[in-house]
């Protein structure tokens, strides 16, 4: 059966399966058990014939390629010491043509020997020395998720992003008599949050030979890894950045972000060697309930391992797995995320986690991820340069939306 005939048969099966569905739809009912069985049989046969078509097409392409190879005119060998083309022999062409026409059964002994695998010059060159797969062998990438939780702004023309901030609300109004002067408020104050995108860059040089010969797509690999490494560098900065030519991280105590005080750093009931169930409960309730709806915990996996063993005074674990398909695991009914860049050092007064509404972490981008291909700069060394650039800044803009988990002293 040729490919055209197989495709026609496959199309017929698809139509029969469609007819079954259309009939049930037209009669406004579900398919009967018998129709379901027949439908599944049609679709199984469709898949089976599809596989046969794919194999046949691949084989025909290979045969065309090999036929073209053996039909090419043989050029004389210009060098005495150069190896001769193993395909450019009369024996090989006759043997291969015989194989294409009649298969192995129709070949003579000498022709079979001419195509044997154990000696390269008699056909071993047709067998690939190794099977090569496109999958890159590497460790699993660290998860990068802060950008998905944060609020991001694009700066197109200005040098920085500024936003007014209500640092202090007015004091509560006073109950007064009908005719009396109102007391003047001296509490309300307005501040400003400024983000100045900082440049981030990295250069990678790759030989032209590798780019030309690599089966894994060296250029695509370089670009994808640059993009990933930029993402992880940002992630680390959004959590731990010092604000010195970099974003301000949520685990960095700063009056420009989340100050260091008992209001934001919750250590009550925690020991110097581990967070406790009561300590995490204290942290949760130190954050206003209005922020809980969008809040998440962030911990390192080493800390989550400790937390999964914690119980309340009633003996209930504070960690609970998500039951529904789209439900997340929770700690005290609030979802959590694990980051390799969250702190995991166990020491007195150390930060080990944070709870917050990360929509109040703002990111300002002045330049999206950009990768330039430098053709001429490294031409003398037969290399191509790939330089990645980005400009970004980030900071927590509302301290009240965050609470850090701190170990006891």
Protein backbone atom coordinates (compact mmCIF):
# COMPACT_ATOMS: atom_id res chain seq x y z
CA UNK A 1 0.00 0.00 0.00
CA UNK A 2 1.54 3.35 -1.04
CA UNK A 3 1.46 6.55 1.00
CA UNK A 4 -1.37 8.11 -1.02
CA UNK A 5 -3.60 5.11 -0.41
CA UNK A 6 -2.76 5.08 3.31
CA UNK A 7 -3.63 8.78 3.57
CA UNK A 8 -6.94 8.18 1.82
CA UNK A 9 -7.79 5.34 4.21
CA UNK A 10 -6.86 7.51 7.18
CA UNK A 11 -9.04 10.37 5.92
CA UNK A 12 -11.94 7.93 5.56
CA UNK A 13 -11.57 6.79 9.17
CA UNK A 14 -11.48 10.39 10.37
CA UNK A 15 -14.71 11.09 8.47
CA UNK A 16 -16.43 8.05 9.98
CA UNK A 17 -15.41 9.17 13.47
CA UNK A 18 -16.66 12.67 12.74
CA UNK A 19 -19.97 11.29 11.44
CA UNK A 20 -20.53 9.47 14.75
CA UNK A 21 -19.98 12.69 16.69
CA UNK A 22 -22.14 14.76 14.34
CA UNK A 23 -24.98 12.27 14.63
CA UNK A 24 -24.96 12.47 18.42
CA UNK A 25 -24.73 16.28 18.32
CA UNK A 26 -27.61 16.52 15.83
CA UNK A 27 -29.79 14.35 18.06
CA UNK A 28 -28.69 16.33 21.15
CA UNK A 29 -27.48 13.32 23.07
CA UNK A 30 -24.32 11.60 24.22
CA UNK A 31 -22.89 8.78 22.17
CA UNK A 32 -24.07 5.32 23.12
CA UNK A 33 -21.64 2.77 24.56
CA UNK A 34 -21.50 1.04 21.17
CA UNK A 35 -20.79 4.34 19.40
CA UNK A 36 -18.09 5.21 21.94
CA UNK A 37 -16.40 1.86 21.30
CA UNK A 38 -16.57 2.34 17.55
CA UNK A 39 -15.29 5.92 17.81
CA UNK A 40 -12.27 4.81 19.88
CA UNK A 41 -11.52 2.07 17.34
CA UNK A 42 -11.59 4.60 14.49
CA UNK A 43 -9.22 6.94 16.32
CA UNK A 44 -6.85 4.11 17.27
CA UNK A 45 -6.64 3.09 13.62
CA UNK A 46 -6.12 6.74 12.62
CA UNK A 47 -3.11 6.97 14.95
CA UNK A 48 -1.74 3.64 13.76
CA UNK A 49 -1.94 4.57 10.08
CA UNK A 50 -0.44 7.98 10.86
CA UNK A 51 2.61 6.26 12.37
CA UNK A 52 2.92 4.03 9.30
CA UNK A 53 2.76 7.06 6.99
CA UNK A 54 5.45 8.87 8.97
CA UNK A 55 7.78 5.86 8.89
CA UNK A 56 7.24 5.33 5.17
CA UNK A 57 7.92 8.99 4.37
CA UNK A 58 11.12 8.97 6.41
CA UNK A 59 12.30 5.81 4.68
CA UNK A 60 11.59 7.22 1.23
CA UNK A 61 13.50 10.40 2.07
CA UNK A 62 16.46 8.33 3.22
CA UNK A 63 16.37 6.21 0.09
CA UNK A 64 16.33 9.31 -2.10
CA UNK A 65 19.29 10.73 -0.23
CA UNK A 66 21.33 7.54 -0.48
CA UNK A 67 20.43 7.03 -4.15
CA UNK A 68 21.62 10.55 -4.89
CA UNK A 69 24.84 9.81 -3.06
CA UNK A 70 25.74 6.69 -5.03
CA UNK A 71 24.67 8.19 -8.37
CA UNK A 72 27.05 11.13 -8.05
CA UNK A 73 30.05 10.89 -10.39
CA UNK A 74 33.23 9.70 -8.72
CA UNK A 75 36.02 12.28 -8.81
CA UNK A 76 39.64 11.17 -8.93
CA UNK A 77 41.52 11.36 -5.66
CA UNK A 78 43.91 14.33 -5.90
CA UNK A 79 46.23 13.19 -3.11
CA UNK A 80 48.13 9.94 -2.87
CA UNK A 81 47.86 9.74 0.90
CA UNK A 82 44.24 10.89 1.19
CA UNK A 83 41.66 8.23 2.12
CA UNK A 84 39.42 7.26 -0.74
CA UNK A 85 35.69 7.88 -0.54
CA UNK A 86 34.26 4.57 0.75
CA UNK A 87 31.08 5.17 -1.24
CA UNK A 88 32.87 5.89 -4.51
CA UNK A 89 33.45 2.26 -5.51
CA UNK A 90 31.77 0.08 -8.06
CA UNK A 91 31.18 -2.65 -5.47
CA UNK A 92 29.42 -0.28 -3.13
CA UNK A 93 27.16 1.21 -5.80
CA UNK A 94 26.18 -2.20 -7.14
CA UNK A 95 25.55 -3.56 -3.66
CA UNK A 96 23.47 -0.60 -2.57
CA UNK A 97 21.43 -0.50 -5.76
CA UNK A 98 20.78 -4.21 -5.35
CA UNK A 99 19.63 -3.63 -1.80
CA UNK A 100 17.24 -0.85 -2.86
CA UNK A 101 15.75 -3.04 -5.58
CA UNK A 102 15.59 -6.45 -3.94
CA UNK A 103 16.41 -6.12 -0.23
CA UNK A 104 18.95 -8.29 1.55
CA UNK A 105 17.44 -11.57 0.23
CA UNK A 106 18.14 -10.56 -3.38
CA UNK A 107 21.79 -9.73 -2.76
CA UNK A 108 24.75 -11.94 -3.50
CA UNK A 109 27.25 -12.89 -0.81
CA UNK A 110 29.88 -10.50 -2.09
CA UNK A 111 27.32 -7.70 -2.15
CA UNK A 112 26.34 -8.36 1.44
CA UNK A 113 30.00 -8.28 2.39
CA UNK A 114 30.29 -4.93 0.63
CA UNK A 115 27.67 -3.51 2.99
CA UNK A 116 28.71 -5.22 6.21
CA UNK A 117 28.82 -3.19 9.39
CA UNK A 118 31.92 -4.54 11.07
CA UNK A 119 34.32 -2.85 8.64
CA UNK A 120 33.93 0.85 7.88
CA UNK A 121 34.99 0.67 4.24
CA UNK A 122 32.44 -2.10 3.56
CA UNK A 123 29.45 -0.23 4.94
CA UNK A 124 30.29 0.54 8.52
CA UNK A 125 30.25 4.22 7.65
CA UNK A 126 26.49 3.92 7.19
CA UNK A 127 26.09 3.19 10.89
CA UNK A 128 26.27 6.27 13.12
CA UNK A 129 29.08 5.97 15.69
CA UNK A 130 26.72 7.15 18.41
CA UNK A 131 23.12 8.16 18.85
CA UNK A 132 22.82 11.88 19.53
CA UNK A 133 19.88 13.46 21.30
CA UNK A 134 18.93 17.12 21.44
CA UNK A 135 18.27 17.12 25.19
CA UNK A 136 20.87 19.11 27.09
CA UNK A 137 22.21 17.38 30.20
CA UNK A 138 22.11 19.91 33.03
CA UNK A 139 20.84 20.41 36.52
CA UNK A 140 17.26 21.56 36.91
CA UNK A 141 16.96 25.33 36.73
CA UNK A 142 16.18 27.28 39.87
CA UNK A 143 12.65 28.61 39.91
CA UNK A 144 12.25 32.31 39.12
CA UNK A 145 8.89 33.70 40.21
CA UNK A 146 9.19 37.12 41.91
CA UNK A 147 8.43 38.95 38.65
CA UNK A 148 5.16 37.05 38.38
CA UNK A 149 4.09 38.28 41.82
CA UNK A 150 5.47 41.82 41.62
CA UNK A 151 4.14 44.95 39.92
CA UNK A 152 6.24 45.86 36.89
CA UNK A 153 6.57 49.22 35.15
CA UNK A 154 8.30 50.01 31.87
CA UNK A 155 10.28 53.26 31.74
CA UNK A 156 10.44 54.42 28.13
CA UNK A 157 11.82 57.96 28.32
CA UNK A 158 12.52 59.07 31.91
CA UNK A 159 15.65 58.11 33.83
CA UNK A 160 13.77 56.88 36.88
CA UNK A 161 10.38 55.89 38.22
CA UNK A 162 8.99 57.99 41.06
CA UNK A 163 5.76 57.47 42.97
CA UNK A 164 4.28 59.45 45.87
CA UNK A 165 3.89 57.50 49.09
CA UNK A 166 1.63 58.13 52.06
CA UNK A 167 4.15 57.59 54.82
CA UNK A 168 1.79 58.58 57.62
CA UNK A 169 -1.98 58.90 57.69
CA UNK A 170 -3.69 61.83 59.39
CA UNK A 171 -4.55 61.30 63.01
CA UNK A 172 -8.12 60.35 63.86
CA UNK A 173 -10.55 63.25 63.93
CA UNK A 174 -11.79 64.58 67.25
CA UNK A 175 -15.36 64.68 68.54
CA UNK A 176 -16.23 68.31 69.06
CA UNK A 177 -19.11 70.58 69.91
CA UNK A 178 -21.27 72.19 67.26
CA UNK A 179 -19.37 75.45 67.34
CA UNK A 180 -15.69 74.87 67.82
CA UNK A 181 -12.40 74.97 65.94
CA UNK A 182 -11.00 71.76 64.46
CA UNK A 183 -7.61 70.64 65.70
CA UNK A 184 -4.87 70.89 63.09
CA UNK A 185 -3.27 67.58 62.03
CA UNK A 186 0.51 67.29 62.24
CA UNK A 187 0.80 63.56 61.59
CA UNK A 188 0.14 63.14 57.87
CA UNK A 189 3.30 63.06 55.74
CA UNK A 190 3.99 62.35 52.09
CA UNK A 191 7.12 60.63 50.84
CA UNK A 192 8.36 59.32 47.53
CA UNK A 193 9.63 56.01 46.20
CA UNK A 194 12.29 56.22 43.50
CA UNK A 195 13.54 53.42 41.27
CA UNK A 196 16.60 53.92 39.07
CA UNK A 197 17.11 51.04 36.62
CA UNK A 198 20.64 49.63 36.94
CA UNK A 199 22.52 48.06 34.00
CA UNK A 200 23.10 44.32 33.95
CA UNK A 201 25.31 42.69 31.30
CA UNK A 202 27.27 39.57 30.36
CA UNK A 203 29.44 38.63 27.37
CA UNK A 204 29.90 35.09 26.02
CA UNK A 205 32.24 34.21 23.14
CA UNK A 206 31.63 31.11 21.00
CA UNK A 207 33.82 29.75 18.20
CA UNK A 208 32.40 29.92 14.70
CA UNK A 209 33.29 26.26 14.21
CA UNK A 210 31.12 25.25 17.17
CA UNK A 211 28.23 27.38 15.90
CA UNK A 212 28.53 25.77 12.49
CA UNK A 213 28.90 22.16 13.57
CA UNK A 214 26.93 21.91 16.81
CA UNK A 215 23.95 19.59 16.59
CA UNK A 216 22.36 21.08 19.70
CA UNK A 217 22.04 24.58 18.24
CA UNK A 218 24.84 26.35 20.09
CA UNK A 219 23.55 29.84 19.35
CA UNK A 220 20.06 29.09 20.67
CA UNK A 221 21.60 27.48 23.74
CA UNK A 222 23.77 30.52 24.49
CA UNK A 223 20.80 32.88 24.13
CA UNK A 224 18.50 30.81 26.31
CA UNK A 225 21.10 30.42 29.05
CA UNK A 226 21.88 34.14 29.03
CA UNK A 227 18.18 34.90 29.47
CA UNK A 228 17.91 32.36 32.31
CA UNK A 229 21.00 33.64 34.13
CA UNK A 230 19.71 37.22 33.90
CA UNK A 231 16.48 35.99 35.47
CA UNK A 232 18.24 34.26 38.38
CA UNK A 233 20.47 37.28 39.02
CA UNK A 234 17.37 39.46 39.24
CA UNK A 235 15.61 36.95 41.50
CA UNK A 236 18.52 36.97 43.92
CA UNK A 237 18.60 40.77 43.93
CA UNK A 238 14.83 41.09 44.49
CA UNK A 239 15.29 38.99 47.63
CA UNK A 240 18.76 39.97 48.86
CA UNK A 241 19.86 43.05 46.88
CA UNK A 242 21.78 45.73 48.74
CA UNK A 243 20.40 48.78 46.86
CA UNK A 244 24.01 49.60 45.89
CA UNK A 245 23.76 49.67 42.07
CA UNK A 246 21.20 46.89 42.34
CA UNK A 247 17.57 46.38 43.39
CA UNK A 248 16.65 46.49 47.09
CA UNK A 249 15.78 43.02 48.37
CA UNK A 250 13.01 42.21 50.81
CA UNK A 251 15.47 40.44 53.12
CA UNK A 252 17.65 43.57 53.31
CA UNK A 253 16.62 45.80 56.19
CA UNK A 254 16.37 49.38 54.93
CA UNK A 255 14.37 52.50 55.73
CA UNK A 256 13.82 52.79 51.97
CA UNK A 257 12.10 49.41 51.93
CA UNK A 258 11.32 47.24 54.95
CA UNK A 259 12.96 48.71 58.10
CA UNK A 260 14.57 46.65 60.81
CA UNK A 261 12.16 46.76 63.74
CA UNK A 262 9.96 44.48 65.80
CA UNK A 263 7.02 45.71 63.71
CA UNK A 264 8.32 44.01 60.55
CA UNK A 265 10.76 41.39 61.91
CA UNK A 266 8.77 38.81 63.88
CA UNK A 267 10.84 36.60 66.15
CA UNK A 268 8.56 36.15 69.16
CA UNK A 269 8.27 32.43 70.11
CA UNK A 270 10.95 31.36 67.62
CA UNK A 271 14.13 29.82 68.99
CA UNK A 272 17.65 30.62 67.83
CA UNK A 273 17.77 27.33 65.93
CA UNK A 274 14.34 26.96 64.32
CA UNK A 275 11.07 28.73 63.56
CA UNK A 276 8.16 27.41 65.58
CA UNK A 277 4.44 27.00 64.92
CA UNK A 278 3.66 29.77 67.41
CA UNK A 279 6.31 31.98 65.83
CA UNK A 280 4.80 31.59 62.37
CA UNK A 281 1.31 32.21 63.75
CA UNK A 282 2.64 35.41 65.31
CA UNK A 283 4.08 36.42 61.96
CA UNK A 284 0.83 35.77 60.11
CA UNK A 285 -1.23 37.83 62.54
CA UNK A 286 1.33 40.63 62.58
CA UNK A 287 0.30 41.24 58.95
CA UNK A 288 -3.07 42.93 58.46
CA UNK A 289 -5.74 40.53 57.28
CA UNK A 290 -6.42 42.79 54.29
CA UNK A 291 -3.09 41.62 52.79
CA UNK A 292 -3.74 37.89 53.30
CA UNK A 293 -5.78 37.51 50.11
CA UNK A 294 -2.72 38.03 47.88
CA UNK A 295 0.01 37.17 50.38
CA UNK A 296 2.52 34.33 50.01
CA UNK A 297 5.26 32.94 52.20
CA UNK A 298 8.75 32.60 50.72
CA UNK A 299 11.19 30.14 52.26
CA UNK A 300 14.22 28.14 51.27
CA UNK A 301 13.51 24.42 50.93
CA UNK A 302 15.69 23.72 53.99
CA UNK A 303 13.37 25.87 56.08
CA UNK A 304 10.23 24.31 54.59
CA UNK A 305 11.63 20.93 55.63
CA UNK A 306 11.65 22.17 59.22
CA UNK A 307 8.22 23.78 58.95
CA UNK A 308 6.56 20.62 57.64
CA UNK A 309 7.27 18.99 60.99
CA UNK A 310 5.66 21.74 63.08
CA UNK A 311 2.33 21.24 64.86
CA UNK A 312 -0.04 23.54 66.69
CA UNK A 313 -0.84 23.01 70.35
CA UNK A 314 -3.82 20.91 69.24
CA UNK A 315 -1.52 18.54 67.33
CA UNK A 316 -2.40 19.77 63.82
CA UNK A 317 0.36 20.27 61.27
CA UNK A 318 0.58 23.87 60.08
CA UNK A 319 1.68 22.66 56.61
CA UNK A 320 -1.13 21.26 54.50
CA UNK A 321 -1.05 19.87 50.97
CA UNK A 322 -3.32 21.24 48.27
CA UNK A 323 -6.12 18.76 47.57
CA UNK A 324 -7.66 20.05 44.34
CA UNK A 325 -5.69 19.94 41.11
CA UNK A 326 -5.02 23.68 41.07
CA UNK A 327 -4.67 24.13 44.83
CA UNK A 328 -1.30 25.05 46.29
CA UNK A 329 0.27 23.64 49.42
CA UNK A 330 -0.19 26.03 52.34
CA UNK A 331 1.35 27.04 55.64
CA UNK A 332 -1.30 28.32 58.05
CA UNK A 333 -3.79 28.50 55.14
CA UNK A 334 -1.51 30.79 53.08
CA UNK A 335 0.32 29.46 49.98
CA UNK A 336 4.09 29.44 49.93
CA UNK A 337 6.87 29.42 47.35
CA UNK A 338 10.37 28.00 47.69
CA UNK A 339 13.39 29.87 46.41
CA UNK A 340 17.01 28.79 46.33
CA UNK A 341 17.87 32.44 47.02
CA UNK A 342 15.89 32.75 50.24
CA UNK A 343 18.08 32.63 53.37
CA UNK A 344 18.70 29.24 54.97
CA UNK A 345 21.40 29.99 57.50
CA UNK A 346 20.33 28.86 60.98
CA UNK A 347 21.71 31.39 63.44
CA UNK A 348 20.44 33.62 66.21
CA UNK A 349 18.47 36.64 64.90
CA UNK A 350 18.78 35.47 61.27
CA UNK A 351 16.01 35.93 58.70
CA UNK A 352 14.55 32.62 57.49
CA UNK A 353 11.44 33.64 55.57
CA UNK A 354 9.00 36.35 54.64
CA UNK A 355 5.23 36.76 54.34
CA UNK A 356 3.84 39.48 52.15
CA UNK A 357 1.74 40.80 49.32
CA UNK A 358 4.36 41.05 46.58
CA UNK A 359 2.23 43.31 44.41
CA UNK A 360 3.81 45.94 46.66
CA UNK A 361 7.23 44.98 45.34
CA UNK A 362 7.73 47.24 42.33
CA UNK A 363 10.05 46.57 39.41
CA UNK A 364 11.08 49.25 36.93
CA UNK A 365 12.54 48.16 33.58
CA UNK A 366 14.24 50.68 31.31
CA UNK A 367 15.59 48.07 28.90
CA UNK A 368 14.09 44.66 28.26
CA UNK A 369 16.40 41.68 27.90
CA UNK A 370 18.47 42.36 24.78
CA UNK A 371 21.03 40.05 23.18
CA UNK A 372 23.45 41.40 20.57
CA UNK A 373 25.45 39.24 18.16
CA UNK A 374 28.97 40.62 17.69
CA UNK A 375 30.20 39.32 14.33
CA UNK A 376 33.28 41.40 13.53
CA UNK A 377 34.71 42.22 16.95
CA UNK A 378 36.16 38.73 17.48
CA UNK A 379 36.66 37.75 13.84
CA UNK A 380 40.43 37.55 14.25
CA UNK A 381 40.02 34.73 16.77
CA UNK A 382 37.30 32.96 14.75
CA UNK A 383 34.69 33.70 17.41
CA UNK A 384 31.28 35.32 17.68
CA UNK A 385 30.33 37.34 20.74
CA UNK A 386 26.92 37.35 22.39
CA UNK A 387 26.33 40.16 24.85
CA UNK A 388 23.21 40.35 26.97
CA UNK A 389 22.04 43.66 28.42
CA UNK A 390 19.23 44.77 30.67
CA UNK A 391 18.41 47.72 32.92
CA UNK A 392 16.13 47.18 35.91
CA UNK A 393 15.50 48.14 39.51
CA UNK A 394 13.18 46.90 42.21
CA UNK A 395 12.15 47.60 45.80
CA UNK A 396 9.37 46.97 48.33
CA UNK A 397 7.31 50.18 48.26
CA UNK A 398 5.06 49.50 51.25
CA UNK A 399 6.63 48.02 54.35
CA UNK A 400 3.23 47.38 55.90
CA UNK A 401 2.55 44.69 53.27
CA UNK A 402 5.44 42.50 54.51
CA UNK A 403 6.53 40.65 57.61
CA UNK A 404 9.86 38.81 57.89
CA UNK A 405 10.33 35.60 59.89
CA UNK A 406 13.27 36.01 62.22
CA UNK A 407 14.87 33.51 64.56
CA UNK A 408 15.16 34.24 68.25
CA UNK A 409 18.27 35.70 69.79
